[in-house]
N, C-alpha and C. Protein backbone atom coordinates (compact mmCIF):
# COMPACT_ATOMS: atom_id res chain seq x y z
N MET A 1 -3.42 -7.80 -15.15
CA MET A 1 -2.31 -7.28 -14.53
C MET A 1 -0.97 -7.31 -15.37
N GLN A 2 -0.97 -7.90 -16.24
CA GLN A 2 0.56 -7.91 -17.17
C GLN A 2 0.27 -6.58 -17.86
N THR A 3 -0.08 -6.38 -17.79
CA THR A 3 -0.81 -5.06 -18.87
C THR A 3 -0.45 -3.91 -18.36
N ARG A 4 -1.32 -3.85 -17.16
CA ARG A 4 -0.78 -2.89 -15.70
C ARG A 4 0.60 -2.32 -15.27
N LEU A 5 1.20 -4.06 -15.20
CA LEU A 5 2.53 -3.99 -15.03
C LEU A 5 3.44 -3.60 -16.17
N ARG A 6 3.10 -3.72 -17.48
CA ARG A 6 3.95 -3.25 -18.28
C ARG A 6 3.90 -1.65 -18.73
N PHE A 7 2.76 -0.57 -18.66
CA PHE A 7 2.73 0.36 -18.92
C PHE A 7 2.50 1.39 -18.14
N ASP A 8 1.34 0.81 -16.85
CA ASP A 8 1.02 1.85 -15.86
C ASP A 8 2.40 2.26 -14.95
N PRO A 9 2.80 3.41 -15.21
CA PRO A 9 4.08 3.89 -14.13
C PRO A 9 3.93 4.11 -12.74
N SER A 10 2.55 4.28 -12.02
CA SER A 10 2.51 4.11 -10.54
C SER A 10 2.69 2.53 -10.04
N THR A 11 2.06 1.75 -10.95
CA THR A 11 2.14 0.15 -11.08
C THR A 11 3.47 -0.12 -11.14
N GLN A 12 4.49 0.09 -11.56
CA GLN A 12 6.05 0.06 -12.12
C GLN A 12 6.50 0.31 -10.65
N ASP A 13 6.12 1.98 -10.15
CA ASP A 13 6.60 2.00 -8.85
C ASP A 13 6.58 1.16 -7.87
N TYR A 14 5.27 0.90 -8.23
CA TYR A 14 4.68 0.00 -6.50
C TYR A 14 5.48 -1.81 -6.84
N TYR A 15 5.58 -2.19 -7.62
CA TYR A 15 6.69 -3.19 -8.00
C TYR A 15 7.95 -3.15 -7.73
N GLU A 16 8.01 -1.98 -7.93
CA GLU A 16 9.77 -1.87 -7.73
C GLU A 16 10.20 -1.44 -6.20
N ARG A 17 8.67 -0.90 -5.26
CA ARG A 17 9.15 -0.89 -3.95
C ARG A 17 8.83 -2.21 -3.32
N ARG A 18 8.12 -3.33 -4.04
CA ARG A 18 7.59 -4.12 -3.31
C ARG A 18 8.79 -5.50 -3.35
N ILE A 19 9.76 -4.92 -4.65
CA ILE A 19 10.71 -6.20 -4.82
C ILE A 19 11.71 -5.37 -3.91
N LYS A 20 12.06 -4.72 -3.54
CA LYS A 20 12.61 -4.20 -2.76
C LYS A 20 12.48 -4.49 -1.27
N GLU A 21 11.33 -4.63 -1.06
CA GLU A 21 10.87 -5.40 0.50
C GLU A 21 10.95 -6.98 0.58
N GLY A 22 11.27 -7.55 -0.37
CA GLY A 22 11.84 -8.75 -0.61
C GLY A 22 10.60 -9.66 -1.33
N LYS A 23 9.48 -9.08 -1.44
CA LYS A 23 8.37 -10.07 -1.93
C LYS A 23 8.67 -10.54 -3.30
N THR A 24 7.88 -11.32 -3.94
CA THR A 24 8.12 -12.67 -5.10
C THR A 24 6.96 -11.29 -5.69
N ARG A 25 7.44 -12.17 -7.32
CA ARG A 25 6.59 -11.61 -8.06
C ARG A 25 5.12 -11.92 -8.05
N ARG A 26 4.65 -13.35 -7.36
CA ARG A 26 3.28 -13.82 -7.40
C ARG A 26 2.54 -13.22 -6.57
N GLU A 27 3.45 -13.06 -4.95
CA GLU A 27 2.83 -12.16 -3.97
C GLU A 27 2.56 -10.74 -4.36
N ILE A 28 3.35 -10.18 -5.45
CA ILE A 28 2.97 -8.79 -5.84
C ILE A 28 2.01 -8.99 -6.73
N VAL A 29 2.06 -9.33 -7.68
CA VAL A 29 1.14 -9.77 -8.79
C VAL A 29 -0.85 -9.80 -7.46
N ARG A 30 -0.34 -10.77 -6.81
CA ARG A 30 -1.59 -11.03 -6.01
C ARG A 30 -2.28 -9.64 -5.11
N CYS A 31 -1.53 -8.99 -4.73
CA CYS A 31 -1.37 -7.55 -4.17
C CYS A 31 -2.24 -6.72 -5.16
N LEU A 32 -1.71 -7.01 -6.20
CA LEU A 32 -2.16 -5.63 -7.40
C LEU A 32 -3.53 -6.47 -7.59
N LYS A 33 -3.80 -7.45 -7.91
CA LYS A 33 -5.49 -8.20 -7.88
C LYS A 33 -6.29 -7.59 -7.32
N ARG A 34 -5.88 -7.57 -5.76
CA ARG A 34 -6.85 -7.43 -5.00
C ARG A 34 -7.06 -5.80 -4.84
N TYR A 35 -5.94 -5.05 -4.89
CA TYR A 35 -6.04 -3.61 -5.28
C TYR A 35 -7.46 -3.20 -6.65
N ALA A 36 -6.81 -3.96 -7.72
CA ALA A 36 -8.34 -4.03 -8.78
C ALA A 36 -9.46 -4.21 -8.37
N ALA A 37 -9.29 -5.30 -7.47
CA ALA A 37 -11.19 -5.29 -7.07
C ALA A 37 -11.53 -4.47 -6.11
N ARG A 38 -10.83 -3.87 -5.45
CA ARG A 38 -11.17 -2.97 -4.75
C ARG A 38 -11.46 -1.94 -5.21
N GLU A 39 -11.07 -1.30 -6.56
CA GLU A 39 -11.06 -0.08 -7.38
C GLU A 39 -12.48 -0.79 -7.89
N VAL A 40 -12.81 -1.61 -8.32
CA VAL A 40 -13.66 -1.85 -9.29
C VAL A 40 -15.29 -1.85 -8.78
N PHE A 41 -15.13 -2.77 -7.33
CA PHE A 41 -15.84 -2.51 -6.32
C PHE A 41 -16.41 -1.47 -6.12
N HIS A 42 -15.59 -0.62 -5.80
CA HIS A 42 -15.84 0.94 -5.45
C HIS A 42 -16.80 1.62 -6.83
N LEU A 43 -16.44 1.51 -7.77
CA LEU A 43 -16.65 1.90 -9.34
C LEU A 43 -18.25 1.47 -9.19
N VAL A 44 -18.74 0.01 -9.01
CA VAL A 44 -19.57 -0.51 -8.96
C VAL A 44 -20.70 0.08 -7.85
N ARG A 45 -20.43 -0.06 -6.74
CA ARG A 45 -20.97 0.55 -5.69
C ARG A 45 -21.28 2.42 -5.77
N ALA A 46 -20.80 3.01 -6.35
CA ALA A 46 -21.34 4.44 -6.79
C ALA A 46 -22.30 4.02 -7.48
N VAL A 47 -21.70 3.45 -8.87
CA VAL A 47 -23.03 3.26 -9.61
C VAL A 47 -24.35 3.00 -9.10
N GLN A 48 -24.59 2.21 -8.07
CA GLN A 48 -25.68 1.42 -7.82
C GLN A 48 -26.43 2.29 -6.79
N ALA A 49 -25.74 3.26 -5.97
CA ALA A 49 -25.56 3.97 -5.33
C ALA A 49 -26.68 5.60 -6.01
N CYS A 50 -26.56 6.04 -7.02
CA CYS A 50 -26.89 6.65 -8.20
C CYS A 50 -28.06 5.77 -8.81
N PRO A 51 -29.49 5.76 -8.60
CA PRO A 51 -30.08 4.57 -8.98
C PRO A 51 -30.67 5.65 -10.72
N ALA A 52 -30.99 5.04 -11.73
CA ALA A 52 -31.43 5.09 -13.13
C ALA A 52 -32.74 6.20 -13.48
N SER A 53 -32.90 7.25 -13.51
CA SER A 53 -33.94 7.79 -13.45
C SER A 53 -35.25 7.44 -14.41
């Protein structure tokens, strides 16, 4: 998450939005971890749906 916060513009925008909402850095990182987990889950699920022939 730290790398993503430093280099990814969309993540930085998200971070700024959440700060303005009054969230703490800890809460924001928790949300980002959930988001990353969902991304990975969907990628893995897509690979499992297409069995290797």
